[in-house]
Each structure stands twice: as structure tokens, then as C-alpha cells.
Amino acid sequence: MLGKKDYRGFLREPVITPITCLHCGRQYHYELYDIILIPETRDSIIIDVVVCKHCGTVDHYELDSEISISLLPHLWVFPRIKDLKAEEMHDFTVVPGDVRPIDGKKMTARETVEYYEGKFSQHPTNPEYIIGLANSLRQAKRSEDAEPLYKLALQYDKKALDAYINLGQMAQARNHLKEAYNYFAEAYQFLDKGNYYRIYQEKDIFKTAFFESFVDVAIALDEPVPLEVMEWLEEMED
């Protein structure tokens, strides 16, 4: 019978799965190290940034059904480690998670995309639904479909903080650092007076993560960083 140490070793192993790039159509196997598995819906959220081995497209792909089979043993293991604390699972490849209900229902990534596609078709100029659809597409790893929607949201609301930050993160993932810096700088300008549509993190956690990305990009480019940003990060370290 496996003990908790054996379970921990299993949960640290990478998940190797075929992934098909939606840009070039090529399929390759990738090692994944950061996955949230939702036991209730049996859906998975891939946190890893996947870069196509053929064309270099970032996070725009389709998962093979093989990954669902690969993750079945993890569903069996989760109840046996339910008393572990979050900090004890920090180096696990696959961790249990949950999703925020939408209209009272917990949905898979595909269902969430379909839900917001319906809302967007009914309200094509509403930034809330545009960003909701963009976020769901990004989570479903369809980044090339999400990006123009974030830009569309900014046409209707110049203060849509979510759009600037997501566009900055996506540019940073592609190593387009100057573009990322510009989006993060815009987001910083609207940090206190902008509109938050789909940001659910506690404000301090959200600000810290945003500021860390901003600083990483600024240092790489040798660009200035607002003093408030550095003071905030220093305070968070104390």
C-alpha cells in the first residue's frame, strides 16, 4: 500500500502529453509541471506556458484526450492527501483545485467559453463579457483568439485594467518585452482609478503579482519602475 511519501513522489512527476498547436497544426509531446485538476468537473487547467516546438506560438493549442487518462490516477490520490497543507504541495506537478461558479454552476473550460460566447453575441460592446470571453479563451489555451478580444475591450473602456494586464502577460510570455512593458505601464496608471472586471484575487496578492511582472520586464529592458512599485515589493518581503 502506498504511503503519503509515495503519493508525494508520484505527484511531483511531470505529465507527458501530446499537444496540437492550433496555429501550425503540428503535434508534439510536452512535459507539463504545473496543472490544477478540478475533481468535481474532471477538468484541468494548465498553468505551464507551452511554446510550439515547430512555429514558436505561445499557448495556442488543443490538448489530446490522452491527458484526461493520464490524470485519472491523480483523482484517486487526491482524497488520500486531503489533510496536506497548501505549502506542502508547492512542488507538486498536479494539485487539486476548484472553479468559481458562473450563474450558480461550476463549468469546464469549454463550457465557460461557450457561456461567454453566448453573452458576447448578445452584448458585443459590453467590456465585461468581452473580457469574460477573452479570459475563458486564454484559460482554454487559445491565446491567439483571446488577444484581439482584450484589445476590443479597450476600445469600449480605456480603463479596463484586466485587458492591459492580460495583454502584458501574453506579450511577456512571447518575450515581446517592450510591448509588455508598455501594457504594464498603462495598467499601473489605472491601478487605482481603472475598472476591474474579472480580477478576483485579494488586492494585495493581485498587486504583488502584477508589480513583480512589471519589475521583471523593466529590469530586462533597463526601463524605469515607479518608486511606489519598489516600495510595495520591499514592504511585502518584510
Foldseek 3Di string as FASTA:
>chain_A
DDDPVNVLVVQLAWDWFWKAAPPPRDIDIDTAQAKEAELVARAIFGPDWDADPPPRDILAIATDCVVSVVCVVVSVCCVVCVPDDPVVCPNGSYDYDADDDDVNHGDHLVVQLVVLVVVCVVPVLDLLSLQSNLVSCVRNRRNVVSLVSLVSSCVNFVQALSSLQVQLVSCVSSVVLVSNLVSLVSSVVNVPPGDYRPDDDDSLVVLLVSLVSNVVSCVVVVHDDDPVSVVSNVVVVD
